[in-house]
Amino acid sequence: MVGVDGSDQSYCALAWAAREARQRRVPLHVVTAYTVPVFAASSMDAGYATLDDAVIREGAEAVLEQAVARVKGMDVEVLGSVETGDAAGVLLELSEQAELVVVGTRGRGGFMGRLLGSVSSAVPAHAKCPSVTIPLSCASRLEGVDIEPPKTKDIPVRPEDVERVVLVGVDGSEQARAATLVAAEQASRWGLPLRVVCALPPFTGSLAWVPAPLDREALYADIKAQLDAGVAWLSSHFPGLRITGEVQDGAPVELLIEATGKVELLVMGTRGRGGFAGMLLGSTSQGVLHHARGPVMVVPDVYDPRLEDRKNFGSLPDEG
């Protein structure tokens, strides 16, 4: 499922979603939503309110028709619908029946000063299925998209500079482990290798109070051992997939943001070790989504029975 609103951002999402639907051999559901302005809906003149609703719906139908026309030649079954209601709410409700929901990073409803619109903020946090956000900056990487990327200080992402690999960020949390399973499925589907990355941040902030100096080399070795165990566990479920693990020095958000411009897809969980139970998106996920230069998939916190045998391959020290 993909949400469209006539913006360049949504057309980038549409192109990515169409390719993915073709790869998965499933129909592509193109959705656009509209709301009736308060001044019209509350008007005492019922005829005026009805006319206004009809005009707005015609505009939404025109947006949908243009979107469907854009993917007509991509060899994928296309379903289209115009829904009434808040766009984020509509997509979230429909996500219960979808394999994947795809959105652009900011549509027509976003303010110029915001890096993420309400839809692309709400969907990754609340969707019942994995979601993918597509920034406008990766327009040149997408099939059938003739959109000029925005002019920014960043060096444009060229297709030839993108490594054919799926990357997933982990931190030892259960959410991250669930994300690795989805990432492995996606890599298998695309026929690409999977790279599992764990960031080792500098000893600052919350670690500054530690009285004795920490042995960074020993910590690195311990994390690498646990990461290797995780890769072995993942390989047991995907024996035909090439999987590698890396421990990288640096802040997780910065490393993952940089990676989005260099890999086919970045996969993350909604909330890792640093997130509170009530948070729907952790700080790492939020930070990456706000500045990503390529497609980012966020996997919701759902139970997967394959997680049950993870303990057979080793556990992190603080898990006993």
Protein backbone atom coordinates (compact mmCIF):
# COMPACT_ATOMS: atom_id res chain seq x y z
CA MET A 1 0.00 0.00 0.00
CA VAL A 2 1.24 3.49 -0.83
CA GLY A 3 -0.19 6.89 0.09
CA VAL A 4 -0.21 9.59 -2.59
CA ASP A 5 -1.22 13.26 -2.53
CA GLY A 6 0.10 14.60 -5.85
CA SER A 7 3.44 15.76 -4.42
CA ASP A 8 6.84 14.78 -5.81
CA GLN A 9 7.55 13.02 -2.51
CA SER A 10 4.53 10.79 -2.87
CA TYR A 11 5.41 9.98 -6.49
CA CYS A 12 8.83 8.77 -5.31
CA ALA A 13 7.06 6.56 -2.77
CA LEU A 14 4.71 5.34 -5.52
CA ALA A 15 7.59 4.31 -7.79
CA TRP A 16 9.35 2.42 -4.98
CA ALA A 17 6.13 0.73 -3.88
CA ALA A 18 5.29 -0.34 -7.44
CA ARG A 19 8.68 -1.98 -7.84
CA GLU A 20 8.27 -3.73 -4.49
CA ALA A 21 4.76 -4.97 -5.30
CA ARG A 22 6.05 -6.38 -8.57
CA GLN A 23 8.91 -8.10 -6.75
CA ARG A 24 6.54 -9.61 -4.16
CA ARG A 25 3.94 -10.51 -6.82
CA VAL A 26 1.15 -8.78 -4.91
CA PRO A 27 -1.29 -6.01 -5.93
CA LEU A 28 -0.33 -2.38 -5.34
CA HIS A 29 -2.98 -0.48 -3.39
CA VAL A 30 -2.73 3.26 -4.13
CA VAL A 31 -4.55 5.38 -1.56
CA THR A 32 -5.32 9.06 -1.37
CA ALA A 33 -7.35 10.68 1.39
CA TYR A 34 -9.09 14.00 1.89
CA THR A 35 -10.94 15.84 4.62
CA VAL A 36 -13.70 18.42 4.30
CA PRO A 37 -12.61 21.81 5.70
CA VAL A 38 -14.24 22.71 9.01
CA PHE A 39 -15.78 25.89 7.63
CA ALA A 40 -17.60 23.88 4.98
CA ALA A 41 -18.58 20.90 7.10
CA SER A 42 -20.02 23.12 9.80
CA SER A 43 -21.83 25.44 7.42
CA MET A 44 -25.53 25.89 8.05
CA ASP A 45 -26.05 25.72 4.31
CA ALA A 46 -26.14 21.96 3.75
CA GLY A 47 -26.11 22.43 -0.01
CA TYR A 48 -22.84 24.37 0.18
CA ALA A 49 -21.20 21.72 2.34
CA THR A 50 -22.25 18.98 -0.06
CA LEU A 51 -20.95 20.90 -3.07
CA ASP A 52 -17.65 21.56 -1.33
CA ASP A 53 -17.23 17.90 -0.50
CA ALA A 54 -17.91 16.94 -4.11
CA VAL A 55 -15.32 19.40 -5.41
CA ILE A 56 -12.66 18.19 -3.00
CA ARG A 57 -13.39 14.56 -3.81
CA GLU A 58 -13.07 15.28 -7.52
CA GLY A 59 -9.64 16.73 -6.85
CA ALA A 60 -8.64 13.66 -4.83
CA GLU A 61 -9.88 11.37 -7.61
CA ALA A 62 -7.80 13.31 -10.12
CA VAL A 63 -4.71 12.81 -7.95
CA LEU A 64 -5.44 9.08 -7.77
CA GLU A 65 -5.95 8.80 -11.54
CA GLN A 66 -2.63 10.51 -12.20
CA ALA A 67 -0.86 8.22 -9.74
CA VAL A 68 -2.34 5.07 -11.27
CA ALA A 69 -1.35 6.28 -14.75
CA ARG A 70 2.26 6.67 -13.61
CA VAL A 71 2.62 2.95 -12.79
CA LYS A 72 0.48 1.58 -15.58
CA GLY A 73 3.46 0.15 -17.49
CA MET A 74 5.21 -1.48 -14.53
CA ASP A 75 3.59 -4.92 -14.82
CA VAL A 76 1.81 -4.82 -11.47
CA GLU A 77 -1.88 -5.09 -10.57
CA VAL A 78 -3.01 -1.70 -9.28
CA LEU A 79 -5.93 -1.03 -6.96
CA GLY A 80 -6.92 2.54 -6.18
CA SER A 81 -9.14 4.12 -3.56
CA VAL A 82 -10.13 7.58 -2.39
CA GLU A 83 -10.76 7.65 1.35
CA THR A 84 -12.36 10.26 3.56
CA GLY A 85 -10.44 11.21 6.69
CA ASP A 86 -7.05 12.21 8.00
CA ALA A 87 -4.39 10.73 5.72
CA ALA A 88 -2.30 9.30 8.55
CA GLY A 89 -5.35 7.76 10.22
CA VAL A 90 -6.54 6.23 6.96
CA LEU A 91 -3.16 4.63 6.20
CA LEU A 92 -2.80 3.33 9.73
CA GLU A 93 -6.22 1.69 9.65
CA LEU A 94 -5.54 0.11 6.27
CA SER A 95 -2.10 -1.07 7.40
CA GLU A 96 -3.82 -3.87 9.31
CA GLN A 97 -4.49 -5.61 5.99
CA ALA A 98 -1.24 -4.70 4.20
CA GLU A 99 2.12 -6.46 3.90
CA LEU A 100 3.89 -3.12 3.66
CA VAL A 101 2.95 0.57 3.69
CA VAL A 102 5.05 3.13 1.80
CA VAL A 103 5.01 6.92 2.19
CA GLY A 104 7.06 9.91 1.09
CA THR A 105 8.93 11.90 3.71
CA ARG A 106 6.78 15.00 3.42
CA GLY A 107 3.67 15.66 1.35
CA ARG A 108 1.53 18.69 0.64
CA GLY A 109 0.40 18.90 4.24
CA GLY A 110 3.87 19.55 5.66
CA PHE A 111 5.18 22.98 6.62
CA MET A 112 8.34 24.08 4.81
CA GLY A 113 10.28 24.16 8.06
CA ARG A 114 9.47 20.56 8.92
CA LEU A 115 11.61 17.69 7.67
CA LEU A 116 8.85 15.15 8.16
CA GLY A 117 5.14 15.64 7.58
CA SER A 118 2.47 14.28 9.88
CA VAL A 119 1.89 11.19 7.73
CA SER A 120 5.54 10.13 7.49
CA SER A 121 5.94 10.72 11.22
CA ALA A 122 2.83 8.83 12.32
CA VAL A 123 2.94 5.84 9.99
CA PRO A 124 6.30 4.35 11.10
CA ALA A 125 5.34 4.84 14.75
CA HIS A 126 1.88 3.27 14.62
CA ALA A 127 1.60 1.03 11.52
CA LYS A 128 0.57 -2.60 12.07
CA CYS A 129 2.96 -3.77 9.34
CA PRO A 130 6.47 -2.71 8.29
CA SER A 131 6.61 0.74 6.73
CA VAL A 132 9.05 2.36 4.32
CA THR A 133 9.68 6.09 3.98
CA ILE A 134 11.12 7.36 0.71
CA PRO A 135 12.91 10.75 0.71
CA LEU A 136 12.83 12.95 -2.37
CA SER A 137 16.62 12.99 -2.39
CA CYS A 138 16.72 9.43 -3.78
CA ALA A 139 14.53 10.21 -6.80
CA SER A 140 17.39 9.44 -9.21
CA ARG A 141 17.62 5.92 -7.75
CA LEU A 142 14.03 5.02 -8.64
CA GLU A 143 12.68 3.44 -11.80
CA GLY A 144 10.24 5.55 -13.79
CA VAL A 145 10.74 8.75 -11.75
CA ASP A 146 11.53 11.95 -13.62
CA ILE A 147 11.83 14.34 -10.68
CA GLU A 148 14.61 16.80 -10.00
CA PRO A 149 16.10 16.08 -6.54
CA PRO A 150 16.02 19.04 -4.16
CA LYS A 151 19.07 21.29 -4.01
CA THR A 152 20.77 20.76 -0.67
CA LYS A 153 24.27 21.05 0.78
CA ASP A 154 24.61 17.29 0.56
CA ILE A 155 26.23 15.64 -2.43
CA PRO A 156 23.42 14.10 -4.55
CA VAL A 157 23.00 10.34 -4.25
CA ARG A 158 23.93 8.78 -7.57
CA PRO A 159 22.66 5.29 -8.44
CA GLU A 160 26.19 4.09 -9.21
CA ASP A 161 27.31 5.01 -5.69
CA VAL A 162 24.68 2.82 -4.02
CA GLU A 163 25.96 -0.54 -2.82
CA ARG A 164 23.69 -3.47 -3.58
CA VAL A 165 23.14 -4.52 0.02
CA VAL A 166 20.43 -4.36 2.69
CA LEU A 167 21.62 -2.97 6.03
CA VAL A 168 19.95 -3.45 9.40
CA GLY A 169 20.90 -1.59 12.58
CA VAL A 170 20.90 -3.56 15.84
CA ASP A 171 21.52 -2.84 19.52
CA GLY A 172 20.78 -6.17 21.21
CA SER A 173 17.13 -5.36 21.86
CA GLU A 174 14.25 -7.69 21.02
CA GLN A 175 12.86 -5.08 18.63
CA ALA A 176 16.14 -5.03 16.72
CA ARG A 177 16.19 -8.81 16.50
CA ALA A 178 12.70 -8.81 15.01
CA ALA A 179 13.90 -6.19 12.53
CA THR A 180 16.79 -8.43 11.44
CA LEU A 181 14.32 -11.16 10.50
CA VAL A 182 12.34 -8.79 8.30
CA ALA A 183 15.56 -7.38 6.84
CA ALA A 184 16.74 -10.89 6.00
CA GLU A 185 13.44 -11.63 4.29
CA GLN A 186 13.79 -8.45 2.25
CA ALA A 187 17.40 -9.18 1.30
CA SER A 188 16.42 -12.73 0.25
CA ARG A 189 13.56 -11.35 -1.81
CA TRP A 190 15.89 -8.97 -3.64
CA GLY A 191 18.73 -11.46 -3.94
CA LEU A 192 21.11 -9.16 -2.04
CA PRO A 193 23.47 -9.74 0.90
CA LEU A 194 22.50 -8.54 4.37
CA ARG A 195 24.81 -6.47 6.57
CA VAL A 196 24.06 -6.32 10.30
CA VAL A 197 25.59 -3.26 11.98
CA CYS A 198 25.97 -2.35 15.65
CA ALA A 199 27.33 1.10 16.56
CA LEU A 200 29.72 1.59 19.47
CA PRO A 201 29.22 5.23 20.52
CA PRO A 202 31.89 7.36 22.21
CA PHE A 203 32.12 7.21 26.02
CA THR A 204 30.19 10.37 26.69
CA GLY A 205 26.88 11.36 28.25
CA SER A 206 25.39 8.49 30.22
CA LEU A 207 28.76 6.72 30.48
CA ALA A 208 30.62 9.77 31.81
CA TRP A 209 29.83 8.85 35.43
CA VAL A 210 31.62 5.49 35.27
CA PRO A 211 34.38 5.74 37.94
CA ALA A 212 36.86 3.30 36.39
CA PRO A 213 38.10 3.58 32.82
CA LEU A 214 36.38 1.11 30.52
CA ASP A 215 38.42 -1.18 28.34
CA ARG A 216 37.09 -0.17 24.95
CA GLU A 217 38.90 -2.96 23.14
CA ALA A 218 37.39 -5.56 25.48
CA LEU A 219 33.95 -4.03 25.07
CA TYR A 220 34.37 -4.03 21.28
CA ALA A 221 35.41 -7.69 21.34
CA ASP A 222 32.44 -8.63 23.52
CA ILE A 223 29.96 -6.82 21.29
CA LYS A 224 31.54 -8.40 18.20
CA ALA A 225 31.19 -11.86 19.76
CA GLN A 226 27.52 -11.24 20.49
CA LEU A 227 26.99 -9.84 17.00
CA ASP A 228 28.61 -12.92 15.46
CA ALA A 229 26.27 -15.08 17.55
CA GLY A 230 23.34 -13.08 16.24
CA VAL A 231 24.53 -13.54 12.66
CA ALA A 232 24.83 -17.29 13.25
CA TRP A 233 21.28 -17.38 14.61
CA LEU A 234 19.97 -15.40 11.64
CA SER A 235 21.86 -17.66 9.21
CA SER A 236 20.13 -20.68 10.76
CA HIS A 237 16.83 -19.28 9.55
CA PHE A 238 18.16 -18.04 6.20
CA PRO A 239 20.83 -20.59 5.20
CA GLY A 240 21.07 -19.38 1.61
CA LEU A 241 21.58 -15.72 2.47
CA ARG A 242 24.99 -14.06 2.72
CA ILE A 243 25.02 -12.29 6.11
CA THR A 244 27.86 -10.29 7.63
CA GLY A 245 28.15 -8.40 10.91
CA GLU A 246 30.06 -5.21 11.69
CA VAL A 247 30.73 -3.19 14.83
CA GLN A 248 31.31 0.44 13.86
CA ASP A 249 32.67 3.30 15.96
CA GLY A 250 30.41 6.32 16.19
CA ALA A 251 26.98 7.61 17.17
CA PRO A 252 24.22 5.27 15.87
CA VAL A 253 22.11 8.06 14.35
CA GLU A 254 25.02 9.59 12.44
CA LEU A 255 26.29 6.26 11.14
CA LEU A 256 22.86 5.12 9.98
CA ILE A 257 22.01 8.45 8.35
CA GLU A 258 25.23 8.29 6.37
CA ALA A 259 24.50 4.70 5.40
CA THR A 260 21.07 5.58 3.93
CA GLY A 261 22.78 7.28 1.00
CA LYS A 262 24.99 4.28 0.29
CA VAL A 263 22.80 1.16 0.55
CA GLU A 264 19.64 -0.09 -1.12
CA LEU A 265 17.65 -0.12 2.11
CA LEU A 266 18.16 0.54 5.81
CA VAL A 267 16.01 -1.47 8.24
CA MET A 268 15.38 -0.52 11.89
CA GLY A 269 13.10 -1.48 14.74
CA THR A 270 10.71 1.06 16.20
CA ARG A 271 12.35 1.25 19.59
CA GLY A 272 15.64 -0.09 20.94
CA ARG A 273 17.34 -0.34 24.32
CA GLY A 274 17.28 3.40 24.85
CA GLY A 275 13.53 3.74 24.34
CA PHE A 276 10.95 3.92 27.10
CA ALA A 277 8.10 1.42 27.00
CA GLY A 278 5.63 4.17 26.15
CA MET A 279 7.64 5.47 23.20
CA LEU A 280 6.45 4.44 19.77
CA LEU A 281 9.62 5.52 17.97
CA GLY A 282 12.99 5.53 19.66
CA SER A 283 15.42 8.45 19.34
CA THR A 284 17.57 6.59 16.83
CA SER A 285 14.63 5.79 14.55
CA GLN A 286 13.35 9.36 14.74
CA GLY A 287 16.76 10.86 14.06
CA VAL A 288 17.40 8.67 11.04
CA LEU A 289 13.95 9.20 9.53
CA HIS A 290 14.31 12.97 9.78
CA HIS A 291 17.53 13.07 7.76
CA ALA A 292 17.63 9.89 5.65
CA ARG A 293 18.88 10.12 2.08
CA GLY A 294 17.53 6.74 1.01
CA PRO A 295 14.70 4.28 1.73
CA VAL A 296 14.23 3.38 5.39
CA MET A 297 12.09 0.50 6.63
CA VAL A 298 10.75 0.56 10.19
CA VAL A 299 9.57 -2.76 11.63
CA PRO A 300 6.85 -2.64 14.31
CA ASP A 301 7.32 -4.32 17.66
CA VAL A 302 5.55 -7.62 17.02
CA TYR A 303 6.14 -11.14 18.28
CA ASP A 304 7.94 -13.53 15.96
CA PRO A 305 8.20 -17.22 17.01
CA ARG A 306 11.65 -17.42 15.39
CA LEU A 307 12.96 -15.26 18.24
CA GLU A 308 12.48 -18.15 20.64
CA ASP A 309 15.66 -19.98 19.64
CA ARG A 310 17.90 -16.88 19.72
CA LYS A 311 19.15 -17.82 23.21
CA ASN A 312 20.71 -20.97 21.77
CA PHE A 313 23.28 -18.81 20.01
CA GLY A 314 24.45 -16.72 22.99
CA SER A 315 23.01 -13.75 24.90
CA LEU A 316 24.15 -10.27 25.77
CA PRO A 317 25.87 -9.90 29.16
CA ASP A 318 23.11 -7.87 30.82
CA GLU A 319 20.52 -10.47 29.84
CA GLY A 320 22.20 -13.10 32.00
